């Protein structure tokens, strides 16, 4: 009888966790999509005022491209940057669109951390460190792609989707971060 109650309590806890995880992810995902919609000219929800005053998406893109440009300069390249693109020596380079910015991964990781019970400073530290990790890996990807394109290695992308490689790398990295987070919580209890 005791084992059955314990099993039901564990089952309920898992269901609550999954419901929270899915709810938080969907809420964050749609908030990002709404922000994209209200700050993109031509969008169904476009608002010029919000575009001017709250265009977080373009600011985030500028940060990613800026750090990528800085890293390429540090590596000895001479990158050229526009609002959406980064290239070397007028090669095709990369175009950083919404799908390449890692928002879905950030939403998923944030939901995973927030769905678990809150543990104060530890939760905030792991949440922020995971987001920073996602974007550091993204900056490395952007630089790597820009370098590959500048050397004419574009045919490689006919068979390999760099988004899949990036997503796989990030998910494996975040699983390691999440396991570390959970172990830290268990040892603190």
N, C-alpha and C. Protein backbone atom coordinates (compact mmCIF):
# COMPACT_ATOMS: atom_id res chain seq x y z
N UNK A 1 0.82 -1.20 0.00
CA UNK A 1 0.00 0.00 0.00
C UNK A 1 0.87 1.27 0.00
N UNK A 2 1.93 1.26 0.85
CA UNK A 2 2.81 2.42 0.94
C UNK A 2 3.50 2.67 -0.40
N UNK A 3 3.96 1.60 -1.05
CA UNK A 3 4.64 1.74 -2.34
C UNK A 3 3.69 2.31 -3.40
N UNK A 4 2.43 1.92 -3.34
CA UNK A 4 1.46 2.42 -4.31
C UNK A 4 1.25 3.91 -4.13
N UNK A 5 1.13 4.38 -2.87
CA UNK A 5 0.98 5.81 -2.62
C UNK A 5 2.21 6.58 -3.05
N UNK A 6 3.38 6.04 -2.76
CA UNK A 6 4.63 6.68 -3.15
C UNK A 6 4.71 6.77 -4.68
N UNK A 7 4.32 5.69 -5.35
CA UNK A 7 4.33 5.67 -6.81
C UNK A 7 3.36 6.71 -7.37
N UNK A 8 2.17 6.84 -6.80
CA UNK A 8 1.20 7.83 -7.26
C UNK A 8 1.70 9.25 -7.01
N UNK A 9 2.34 9.48 -5.87
CA UNK A 9 2.88 10.80 -5.57
C UNK A 9 3.97 11.16 -6.58
N UNK A 10 4.84 10.22 -6.91
CA UNK A 10 5.89 10.44 -7.89
C UNK A 10 5.29 10.71 -9.26
N UNK A 11 4.27 9.94 -9.61
CA UNK A 11 3.59 10.10 -10.89
C UNK A 11 2.97 11.49 -10.99
N UNK A 12 2.29 11.93 -9.93
CA UNK A 12 1.67 13.26 -9.93
C UNK A 12 2.74 14.36 -10.05
N UNK A 13 3.85 14.19 -9.36
CA UNK A 13 4.94 15.15 -9.42
C UNK A 13 5.47 15.26 -10.85
N UNK A 14 5.61 14.12 -11.51
CA UNK A 14 6.10 14.12 -12.89
C UNK A 14 5.11 14.79 -13.84
N UNK A 15 3.83 14.53 -13.64
CA UNK A 15 2.81 15.15 -14.48
C UNK A 15 2.81 16.67 -14.27
N UNK A 16 2.89 17.11 -13.03
CA UNK A 16 2.93 18.54 -12.73
C UNK A 16 4.16 19.18 -13.40
N UNK A 17 5.31 18.50 -13.30
CA UNK A 17 6.53 19.00 -13.93
C UNK A 17 6.34 19.14 -15.44
N UNK A 18 5.80 18.11 -16.08
CA UNK A 18 5.60 18.15 -17.53
C UNK A 18 4.61 19.23 -17.95
N UNK A 19 3.54 19.40 -17.20
CA UNK A 19 2.55 20.44 -17.51
C UNK A 19 3.20 21.82 -17.37
N UNK A 20 3.97 22.02 -16.29
CA UNK A 20 4.66 23.30 -16.11
C UNK A 20 5.67 23.54 -17.23
N UNK A 21 6.42 22.50 -17.58
CA UNK A 21 7.43 22.60 -18.64
C UNK A 21 6.79 23.03 -19.96
N UNK A 22 5.74 22.35 -20.35
CA UNK A 22 5.07 22.65 -21.62
C UNK A 22 4.43 24.03 -21.58
N UNK A 23 3.78 24.38 -20.48
CA UNK A 23 3.12 25.68 -20.35
C UNK A 23 4.13 26.83 -20.42
N UNK A 24 5.21 26.70 -19.68
CA UNK A 24 6.24 27.76 -19.68
C UNK A 24 6.87 27.88 -21.06
N UNK A 25 7.18 26.73 -21.68
CA UNK A 25 7.80 26.76 -23.01
C UNK A 25 6.87 27.46 -24.01
N UNK A 26 5.61 27.05 -24.04
CA UNK A 26 4.68 27.65 -24.99
C UNK A 26 4.49 29.14 -24.74
N UNK A 27 4.40 29.53 -23.48
CA UNK A 27 4.25 30.95 -23.15
C UNK A 27 5.46 31.75 -23.65
N UNK A 28 6.66 31.27 -23.36
CA UNK A 28 7.88 31.97 -23.81
C UNK A 28 7.98 31.98 -25.33
N UNK A 29 7.68 30.85 -25.95
CA UNK A 29 7.76 30.72 -27.40
C UNK A 29 6.83 31.73 -28.08
N UNK A 30 5.59 31.82 -27.59
CA UNK A 30 4.64 32.75 -28.21
C UNK A 30 4.97 34.21 -27.90
N UNK A 31 5.55 34.48 -26.74
CA UNK A 31 6.01 35.85 -26.44
C UNK A 31 7.07 36.27 -27.44
N UNK A 32 8.03 35.37 -27.72
CA UNK A 32 9.08 35.67 -28.70
C UNK A 32 8.46 35.88 -30.07
N UNK A 33 7.54 35.00 -30.47
CA UNK A 33 6.90 35.14 -31.79
C UNK A 33 6.12 36.44 -31.89
N UNK A 34 5.46 36.84 -30.81
CA UNK A 34 4.72 38.10 -30.81
C UNK A 34 5.69 39.27 -30.94
N UNK A 35 6.81 39.22 -30.20
CA UNK A 35 7.82 40.29 -30.31
C UNK A 35 8.34 40.39 -31.73
N UNK A 36 8.58 39.25 -32.36
CA UNK A 36 9.03 39.26 -33.75
C UNK A 36 7.96 39.88 -34.63
N UNK A 37 6.70 39.51 -34.41
CA UNK A 37 5.60 40.02 -35.22
C UNK A 37 5.36 41.50 -35.08
N UNK A 38 5.51 42.03 -33.87
CA UNK A 38 5.22 43.46 -33.67
C UNK A 38 6.39 44.35 -34.05
N UNK A 39 7.57 43.78 -34.21
CA UNK A 39 8.74 44.61 -34.54
C UNK A 39 9.27 44.34 -35.95
N UNK A 40 8.55 43.56 -36.74
CA UNK A 40 8.97 43.27 -38.13
C UNK A 40 8.05 43.99 -39.09
N UNK A 41 8.62 44.90 -39.87
CA UNK A 41 7.82 45.63 -40.86
C UNK A 41 7.15 44.64 -41.80
N UNK A 42 5.88 44.88 -42.07
CA UNK A 42 5.14 44.00 -42.96
C UNK A 42 4.43 42.88 -42.22
N UNK A 43 4.75 42.71 -40.93
CA UNK A 43 4.10 41.68 -40.13
C UNK A 43 2.64 42.05 -39.85
N UNK A 44 1.83 41.04 -39.61
CA UNK A 44 0.40 41.27 -39.36
C UNK A 44 0.17 42.10 -38.09
N UNK A 45 1.07 42.00 -37.13
CA UNK A 45 0.91 42.70 -35.86
C UNK A 45 1.84 43.92 -35.74
N UNK A 46 2.47 44.32 -36.82
CA UNK A 46 3.51 45.34 -36.78
C UNK A 46 3.05 46.63 -36.11
N UNK A 47 3.89 47.12 -35.21
CA UNK A 47 3.65 48.38 -34.53
C UNK A 47 4.91 49.24 -34.64
N UNK A 48 4.86 50.33 -35.39
CA UNK A 48 6.05 51.18 -35.54
C UNK A 48 6.59 51.67 -34.19
N UNK A 49 5.69 52.01 -33.27
CA UNK A 49 6.13 52.50 -31.97
C UNK A 49 6.91 51.42 -31.21
N UNK A 50 6.38 50.19 -31.19
CA UNK A 50 7.08 49.09 -30.52
C UNK A 50 8.39 48.77 -31.23
N UNK A 51 8.38 48.88 -32.56
CA UNK A 51 9.59 48.61 -33.33
C UNK A 51 10.69 49.58 -32.94
N UNK A 52 10.34 50.84 -32.73
CA UNK A 52 11.33 51.85 -32.37
C UNK A 52 11.78 51.69 -30.92
N UNK A 53 10.86 51.43 -29.99
CA UNK A 53 11.16 51.48 -28.57
C UNK A 53 11.44 50.13 -27.91
N UNK A 54 10.96 49.05 -28.49
CA UNK A 54 11.11 47.75 -27.83
C UNK A 54 11.58 46.64 -28.78
N UNK A 55 12.40 46.97 -29.74
CA UNK A 55 12.87 45.98 -30.70
C UNK A 55 14.03 45.18 -30.10
N UNK A 56 13.70 44.31 -29.19
CA UNK A 56 14.68 43.48 -28.49
C UNK A 56 15.35 42.51 -29.46
N UNK A 57 14.60 42.06 -30.44
CA UNK A 57 15.10 41.05 -31.38
C UNK A 57 16.28 41.61 -32.18
N UNK A 58 16.14 42.81 -32.73
CA UNK A 58 17.24 43.42 -33.49
C UNK A 58 18.43 43.70 -32.58
N UNK A 59 18.15 44.13 -31.37
CA UNK A 59 19.24 44.35 -30.41
C UNK A 59 20.00 43.07 -30.12
N UNK A 60 19.27 41.99 -29.97
CA UNK A 60 19.88 40.69 -29.72
C UNK A 60 20.72 40.26 -30.94
N UNK A 61 20.18 40.48 -32.14
CA UNK A 61 20.92 40.16 -33.37
C UNK A 61 22.21 40.96 -33.42
N UNK A 62 22.14 42.25 -33.09
CA UNK A 62 23.33 43.10 -33.09
C UNK A 62 24.38 42.60 -32.12
N UNK A 63 23.95 42.14 -30.96
CA UNK A 63 24.89 41.59 -29.97
C UNK A 63 25.58 40.35 -30.54
N UNK A 64 24.80 39.43 -31.12
CA UNK A 64 25.39 38.21 -31.69
C UNK A 64 26.36 38.53 -32.82
N UNK A 65 25.94 39.39 -33.74
CA UNK A 65 26.82 39.74 -34.85
C UNK A 65 28.04 40.53 -34.37
N UNK A 66 27.85 41.39 -33.38
CA UNK A 66 28.97 42.17 -32.85
C UNK A 66 30.03 41.29 -32.21
N UNK A 67 29.61 40.35 -31.35
CA UNK A 67 30.58 39.45 -30.73
C UNK A 67 31.24 38.54 -31.77
N UNK A 68 30.47 38.13 -32.76
CA UNK A 68 31.03 37.29 -33.82
C UNK A 68 32.06 38.07 -34.63
N UNK A 69 31.73 39.31 -34.95
CA UNK A 69 32.68 40.18 -35.67
C UNK A 69 33.95 40.38 -34.85
N UNK A 70 33.80 40.61 -33.56
CA UNK A 70 34.95 40.79 -32.67
C UNK A 70 35.83 39.53 -32.64
N UNK A 71 35.19 38.36 -32.52
CA UNK A 71 35.95 37.11 -32.49
C UNK A 71 36.68 36.88 -33.81
N UNK A 72 36.03 37.16 -34.94
CA UNK A 72 36.70 37.01 -36.24
C UNK A 72 37.88 37.97 -36.36
N UNK A 73 37.72 39.20 -35.88
CA UNK A 73 38.84 40.15 -35.87
C UNK A 73 39.99 39.62 -35.03
N UNK A 74 39.66 39.06 -33.87
CA UNK A 74 40.66 38.50 -32.97
C UNK A 74 41.41 37.34 -33.63
N UNK A 75 40.70 36.58 -34.47
CA UNK A 75 41.31 35.45 -35.17
C UNK A 75 42.09 35.88 -36.41
N UNK A 76 42.12 37.19 -36.69
CA UNK A 76 42.92 37.70 -37.80
C UNK A 76 42.15 37.90 -39.10
N UNK A 77 40.86 37.78 -39.07
CA UNK A 77 40.05 38.01 -40.27
C UNK A 77 39.58 39.46 -40.29
N UNK A 78 39.12 39.90 -41.45
CA UNK A 78 38.59 41.25 -41.61
C UNK A 78 37.13 41.14 -42.04
N UNK A 79 36.22 40.93 -41.08
CA UNK A 79 34.81 40.72 -41.43
C UNK A 79 34.10 42.02 -41.80
N UNK A 80 33.10 41.89 -42.66
CA UNK A 80 32.21 43.00 -42.98
C UNK A 80 30.84 42.65 -42.43
N UNK A 81 30.22 43.63 -41.79
CA UNK A 81 28.94 43.38 -41.12
C UNK A 81 27.90 44.39 -41.56
N UNK A 82 26.69 43.88 -41.77
CA UNK A 82 25.54 44.76 -41.99
C UNK A 82 24.54 44.46 -40.88
N UNK A 83 23.34 44.97 -41.01
CA UNK A 83 22.32 44.74 -39.99
C UNK A 83 21.99 43.26 -39.82
N UNK A 84 22.02 42.49 -40.92
CA UNK A 84 21.63 41.09 -40.88
C UNK A 84 22.76 40.12 -41.25
N UNK A 85 23.84 40.61 -41.84
CA UNK A 85 24.84 39.70 -42.40
C UNK A 85 26.24 39.91 -41.83
N UNK A 86 27.05 38.87 -42.02
CA UNK A 86 28.45 38.90 -41.63
C UNK A 86 29.20 38.08 -42.67
N UNK A 87 30.24 38.68 -43.26
CA UNK A 87 31.04 37.93 -44.22
C UNK A 87 32.49 38.36 -44.14
N UNK A 88 33.32 37.62 -44.86
CA UNK A 88 34.75 37.92 -44.94
C UNK A 88 35.08 38.04 -46.42
N UNK A 89 35.78 39.10 -46.79
CA UNK A 89 36.23 39.30 -48.18
C UNK A 89 35.09 39.18 -49.19
N UNK A 90 33.97 39.76 -48.88
CA UNK A 90 32.81 39.76 -49.77
C UNK A 90 32.33 38.36 -50.19
N UNK A 91 32.62 37.37 -49.37
CA UNK A 91 32.08 36.02 -49.60
C UNK A 91 30.59 36.05 -49.27
N UNK A 92 29.86 34.98 -49.61
CA UNK A 92 28.42 34.98 -49.29
C UNK A 92 28.15 35.20 -47.80
N UNK A 93 28.99 34.67 -46.93
CA UNK A 93 28.81 34.88 -45.50
C UNK A 93 27.52 34.31 -44.96
N UNK A 94 27.11 34.82 -43.82
CA UNK A 94 25.88 34.33 -43.18
C UNK A 94 24.88 35.47 -43.08
N UNK A 95 23.62 35.09 -43.06
CA UNK A 95 22.51 36.01 -42.82
C UNK A 95 21.84 35.53 -41.55
N UNK A 96 21.89 36.34 -40.50
CA UNK A 96 21.37 35.96 -39.20
C UNK A 96 19.88 36.31 -39.12
N UNK A 97 19.03 35.32 -39.34
CA UNK A 97 17.59 35.49 -39.28
C UNK A 97 17.10 34.94 -37.93
N UNK A 98 15.81 35.09 -37.67
CA UNK A 98 15.25 34.69 -36.37
C UNK A 98 15.54 33.23 -36.04
N UNK A 99 15.43 32.36 -37.02
CA UNK A 99 15.63 30.93 -36.77
C UNK A 99 17.05 30.61 -36.32
N UNK A 100 17.99 31.51 -36.61
CA UNK A 100 19.41 31.26 -36.28
C UNK A 100 19.84 31.86 -34.94
N UNK A 101 18.93 32.48 -34.24
CA UNK A 101 19.33 33.22 -33.04
C UNK A 101 19.23 32.41 -31.75
N UNK A 102 18.66 31.22 -31.81
CA UNK A 102 18.62 30.35 -30.65
C UNK A 102 17.46 30.59 -29.70
N UNK A 103 16.44 31.32 -30.14
CA UNK A 103 15.33 31.62 -29.24
C UNK A 103 14.57 30.38 -28.77
N UNK A 104 14.35 29.44 -29.68
CA UNK A 104 13.62 28.22 -29.29
C UNK A 104 14.41 27.44 -28.24
N UNK A 105 15.73 27.39 -28.41
CA UNK A 105 16.57 26.70 -27.42
C UNK A 105 16.55 27.42 -26.08
N UNK A 106 16.59 28.73 -26.12
CA UNK A 106 16.52 29.51 -24.87
C UNK A 106 15.18 29.29 -24.19
N UNK A 107 14.09 29.30 -24.96
CA UNK A 107 12.76 29.06 -24.40
C UNK A 107 12.69 27.67 -23.76
N UNK A 108 13.20 26.67 -24.46
CA UNK A 108 13.17 25.30 -23.94
C UNK A 108 14.00 25.15 -22.67
N UNK A 109 15.20 25.70 -22.68
CA UNK A 109 16.06 25.60 -21.50
C UNK A 109 15.46 26.36 -20.32
N UNK A 110 14.95 27.56 -20.58
CA UNK A 110 14.34 28.36 -19.51
C UNK A 110 13.15 27.61 -18.91
N UNK A 111 12.33 27.01 -19.78
CA UNK A 111 11.18 26.24 -19.29
C UNK A 111 11.64 25.06 -18.44
N UNK A 112 12.70 24.38 -18.87
CA UNK A 112 13.21 23.23 -18.12
C UNK A 112 13.68 23.64 -16.72
N UNK A 113 14.40 24.74 -16.64
CA UNK A 113 14.90 25.21 -15.34
C UNK A 113 13.74 25.71 -14.46
N UNK A 114 12.82 26.48 -15.05
CA UNK A 114 11.73 27.07 -14.25
C UNK A 114 10.64 26.07 -13.87
N UNK A 115 10.53 24.97 -14.62
CA UNK A 115 9.52 23.97 -14.29
C UNK A 115 9.88 23.21 -13.02
N UNK A 116 11.17 23.14 -12.72
CA UNK A 116 11.63 22.49 -11.50
C UNK A 116 11.43 23.47 -10.35
N UNK A 117 11.21 22.99 -9.13
CA UNK A 117 11.02 23.92 -8.01
C UNK A 117 12.16 24.93 -7.90
N UNK A 118 11.82 26.16 -7.52
CA UNK A 118 12.77 27.26 -7.45
C UNK A 118 13.71 27.10 -6.27
N UNK A 119 15.01 27.25 -6.54
CA UNK A 119 16.01 27.16 -5.49
C UNK A 119 16.86 28.42 -5.41
N UNK A 120 16.21 29.56 -5.54
CA UNK A 120 16.85 30.85 -5.33
C UNK A 120 17.99 31.15 -6.28
N UNK A 121 19.09 31.56 -5.66
CA UNK A 121 20.25 32.01 -6.42
C UNK A 121 20.78 30.93 -7.37
N UNK A 122 20.75 29.68 -6.94
CA UNK A 122 21.24 28.57 -7.76
C UNK A 122 20.43 28.48 -9.07
N UNK A 123 19.13 28.64 -8.98
CA UNK A 123 18.28 28.58 -10.18
C UNK A 123 18.63 29.72 -11.13
N UNK A 124 18.77 30.92 -10.60
CA UNK A 124 19.09 32.08 -11.43
C UNK A 124 20.46 31.90 -12.09
N UNK A 125 21.44 31.43 -11.34
CA UNK A 125 22.78 31.23 -11.89
C UNK A 125 22.76 30.20 -13.02
N UNK A 126 22.10 29.08 -12.82
CA UNK A 126 22.05 28.05 -13.86
C UNK A 126 21.21 28.49 -15.06
N UNK A 127 20.18 29.25 -14.81
CA UNK A 127 19.38 29.77 -15.92
C UNK A 127 20.22 30.70 -16.79
N UNK A 128 20.87 31.66 -16.17
CA UNK A 128 21.69 32.61 -16.92
C UNK A 128 22.90 31.95 -17.57
N UNK A 129 23.55 31.03 -16.86
CA UNK A 129 24.72 30.37 -17.44
C UNK A 129 24.33 29.50 -18.64
N UNK A 130 23.17 28.88 -18.60
CA UNK A 130 22.70 28.09 -19.74
C UNK A 130 22.42 28.96 -20.95
N UNK A 131 21.80 30.10 -20.73
CA UNK A 131 21.51 31.02 -21.84
C UNK A 131 22.81 31.56 -22.43
N UNK A 132 23.76 31.91 -21.56
CA UNK A 132 25.06 32.38 -22.05
C UNK A 132 25.75 31.27 -22.85
N UNK A 133 25.68 30.04 -22.37
CA UNK A 133 26.27 28.90 -23.09
C UNK A 133 25.65 28.74 -24.48
N UNK A 134 24.33 28.83 -24.55
CA UNK A 134 23.65 28.72 -25.86
C UNK A 134 24.19 29.77 -26.82
N UNK A 135 24.30 30.99 -26.37
CA UNK A 135 24.73 32.06 -27.27
C UNK A 135 26.22 32.04 -27.55
N UNK A 136 27.03 31.57 -26.61
CA UNK A 136 28.47 31.39 -26.91
C UNK A 136 28.66 30.35 -28.01
N UNK A 137 27.92 29.25 -27.90
CA UNK A 137 27.98 28.23 -28.95
C UNK A 137 27.45 28.79 -30.27
N UNK A 138 26.46 29.64 -30.21
CA UNK A 138 25.92 30.26 -31.41
C UNK A 138 26.95 31.19 -32.06
N UNK A 139 27.65 31.95 -31.26
CA UNK A 139 28.70 32.85 -31.78
C UNK A 139 29.80 32.03 -32.44
N UNK A 140 30.19 30.93 -31.82
CA UNK A 140 31.20 30.04 -32.42
C UNK A 140 30.68 29.49 -33.75
N UNK A 141 29.42 29.11 -33.80
CA UNK A 141 28.82 28.61 -35.04
C UNK A 141 28.83 29.69 -36.12
N UNK A 142 28.41 30.89 -35.76
CA UNK A 142 28.38 31.99 -36.72
C UNK A 142 29.77 32.25 -37.29
N UNK A 143 30.76 32.29 -36.42
CA UNK A 143 32.14 32.51 -36.87
C UNK A 143 32.61 31.36 -37.76
N UNK A 144 32.34 30.13 -37.34
CA UNK A 144 32.76 28.97 -38.12
C UNK A 144 32.13 28.97 -39.51
N UNK A 145 30.85 29.26 -39.58
CA UNK A 145 30.17 29.31 -40.88
C UNK A 145 30.71 30.43 -41.75
N UNK A 146 30.96 31.57 -41.15
CA UNK A 146 31.49 32.71 -41.91
C UNK A 146 32.86 32.36 -42.48
N UNK A 147 33.69 31.71 -41.69
CA UNK A 147 35.02 31.30 -42.17
C UNK A 147 34.89 30.25 -43.27
N UNK A 148 34.04 29.25 -43.07
CA UNK A 148 33.84 28.23 -44.10
C UNK A 148 33.37 28.84 -45.41
N UNK A 149 32.41 29.75 -45.33
CA UNK A 149 31.89 30.38 -46.54
C UNK A 149 32.96 31.23 -47.23
N UNK A 150 33.83 31.86 -46.44
CA UNK A 150 34.87 32.70 -47.04
C UNK A 150 35.91 31.87 -47.80
N UNK A 151 36.03 30.60 -47.46
CA UNK A 151 36.96 29.71 -48.13
C UNK A 151 36.27 28.87 -49.21
N UNK A 152 35.02 29.18 -49.50
CA UNK A 152 34.30 28.51 -50.57
C UNK A 152 33.81 27.11 -50.25
N UNK A 153 33.64 26.80 -48.98
CA UNK A 153 33.17 25.46 -48.59
C UNK A 153 31.66 25.43 -48.41
N UNK A 154 30.93 25.88 -49.41
CA UNK A 154 29.48 25.94 -49.30
C UNK A 154 28.80 24.64 -49.71
N UNK A 155 29.45 23.82 -50.51
CA UNK A 155 28.82 22.58 -50.98
C UNK A 155 28.57 21.61 -49.82
N UNK A 156 29.31 21.78 -48.75
CA UNK A 156 29.14 20.96 -47.56
C UNK A 156 27.72 21.05 -47.03
N UNK A 157 27.09 22.21 -47.23
CA UNK A 157 25.76 22.45 -46.68
C UNK A 157 24.63 21.85 -47.53
N UNK A 158 25.01 21.26 -48.66
CA UNK A 158 24.01 20.54 -49.45
C UNK A 158 23.60 19.24 -48.76
N UNK A 159 24.50 18.69 -47.94
CA UNK A 159 24.23 17.41 -47.28
C UNK A 159 24.06 17.51 -45.78
N UNK A 160 24.54 18.59 -45.19
CA UNK A 160 24.50 18.72 -43.72
C UNK A 160 23.77 20.00 -43.34
N UNK A 161 22.83 19.91 -42.42
CA UNK A 161 22.11 21.08 -41.93
C UNK A 161 22.80 21.60 -40.67
N UNK A 162 23.42 22.77 -40.77
CA UNK A 162 24.16 23.31 -39.62
C UNK A 162 23.23 23.60 -38.45
N UNK A 163 21.94 23.86 -38.68
CA UNK A 163 21.00 24.06 -37.57
C UNK A 163 20.89 22.79 -36.74
N UNK A 164 20.82 21.64 -37.41
CA UNK A 164 20.72 20.36 -36.69
C UNK A 164 21.96 20.10 -35.86
N UNK A 165 23.13 20.36 -36.43
CA UNK A 165 24.39 20.17 -35.70
C UNK A 165 24.44 21.10 -34.49
N UNK A 166 24.07 22.35 -34.70
CA UNK A 166 24.06 23.32 -33.61
C UNK A 166 23.07 22.91 -32.52
N UNK A 167 21.85 22.57 -32.91
CA UNK A 167 20.83 22.17 -31.93
C UNK A 167 21.29 20.94 -31.14
N UNK A 168 21.86 19.96 -31.82
CA UNK A 168 22.34 18.75 -31.15
C UNK A 168 23.44 19.10 -30.14
N UNK A 169 24.39 19.92 -30.57
CA UNK A 169 25.49 20.33 -29.68
C UNK A 169 24.96 21.07 -28.46
N UNK A 170 24.03 21.99 -28.68
CA UNK A 170 23.47 22.77 -27.58
C UNK A 170 22.68 21.87 -26.63
N UNK A 171 21.86 20.98 -27.17
CA UNK A 171 21.05 20.11 -26.32
C UNK A 171 21.94 19.22 -25.46
N UNK A 172 22.97 18.63 -26.03
CA UNK A 172 23.90 17.80 -25.24
C UNK A 172 24.57 18.65 -24.15
N UNK A 173 25.01 19.85 -24.51
CA UNK A 173 25.64 20.74 -23.52
C UNK A 173 24.66 21.11 -22.41
N UNK A 174 23.42 21.40 -22.77
CA UNK A 174 22.43 21.78 -21.76
C UNK A 174 22.02 20.61 -20.88
N UNK A 175 22.03 19.41 -21.42
CA UNK A 175 21.75 18.23 -20.59
C UNK A 175 22.82 18.11 -19.52
N UNK A 176 24.06 18.33 -19.89
CA UNK A 176 25.16 18.29 -18.91
C UNK A 176 24.98 19.38 -17.85
N UNK A 177 24.63 20.60 -18.30
CA UNK A 177 24.39 21.70 -17.35
C UNK A 177 23.21 21.35 -16.43
N UNK A 178 22.15 20.81 -16.99
CA UNK A 178 20.96 20.48 -16.20
C UNK A 178 21.24 19.38 -15.18
N UNK A 179 21.99 18.37 -15.57
CA UNK A 179 22.36 17.29 -14.64
C UNK A 179 23.19 17.87 -13.50
N UNK A 180 24.12 18.76 -13.83
CA UNK A 180 24.92 19.43 -12.81
C UNK A 180 24.03 20.24 -11.87
N UNK A 181 23.05 20.92 -12.45
CA UNK A 181 22.10 21.71 -11.66
C UNK A 181 21.34 20.81 -10.68
N UNK A 182 20.82 19.70 -11.18
CA UNK A 182 20.05 18.79 -10.33
C UNK A 182 20.93 18.16 -9.25
N UNK A 183 22.15 17.79 -9.61
CA UNK A 183 23.06 17.23 -8.60
C UNK A 183 23.37 18.24 -7.52
N UNK A 184 23.55 19.50 -7.91
CA UNK A 184 23.81 20.56 -6.94
C UNK A 184 22.65 20.78 -5.99
N UNK A 185 21.42 20.66 -6.52
CA UNK A 185 20.23 20.80 -5.69
C UNK A 185 20.14 19.63 -4.72
N UNK A 186 20.36 18.41 -5.22
CA UNK A 186 20.28 17.21 -4.36
C UNK A 186 21.30 17.28 -3.24
N UNK A 187 22.53 17.74 -3.58
CA UNK A 187 23.57 17.80 -2.53
C UNK A 187 23.28 18.91 -1.52
N UNK A 188 22.57 19.96 -1.92
CA UNK A 188 22.23 21.05 -1.02
C UNK A 188 21.09 20.70 -0.07
N UNK A 189 20.29 19.68 -0.45
CA UNK A 189 19.12 19.34 0.39
C UNK A 189 19.49 18.61 1.63
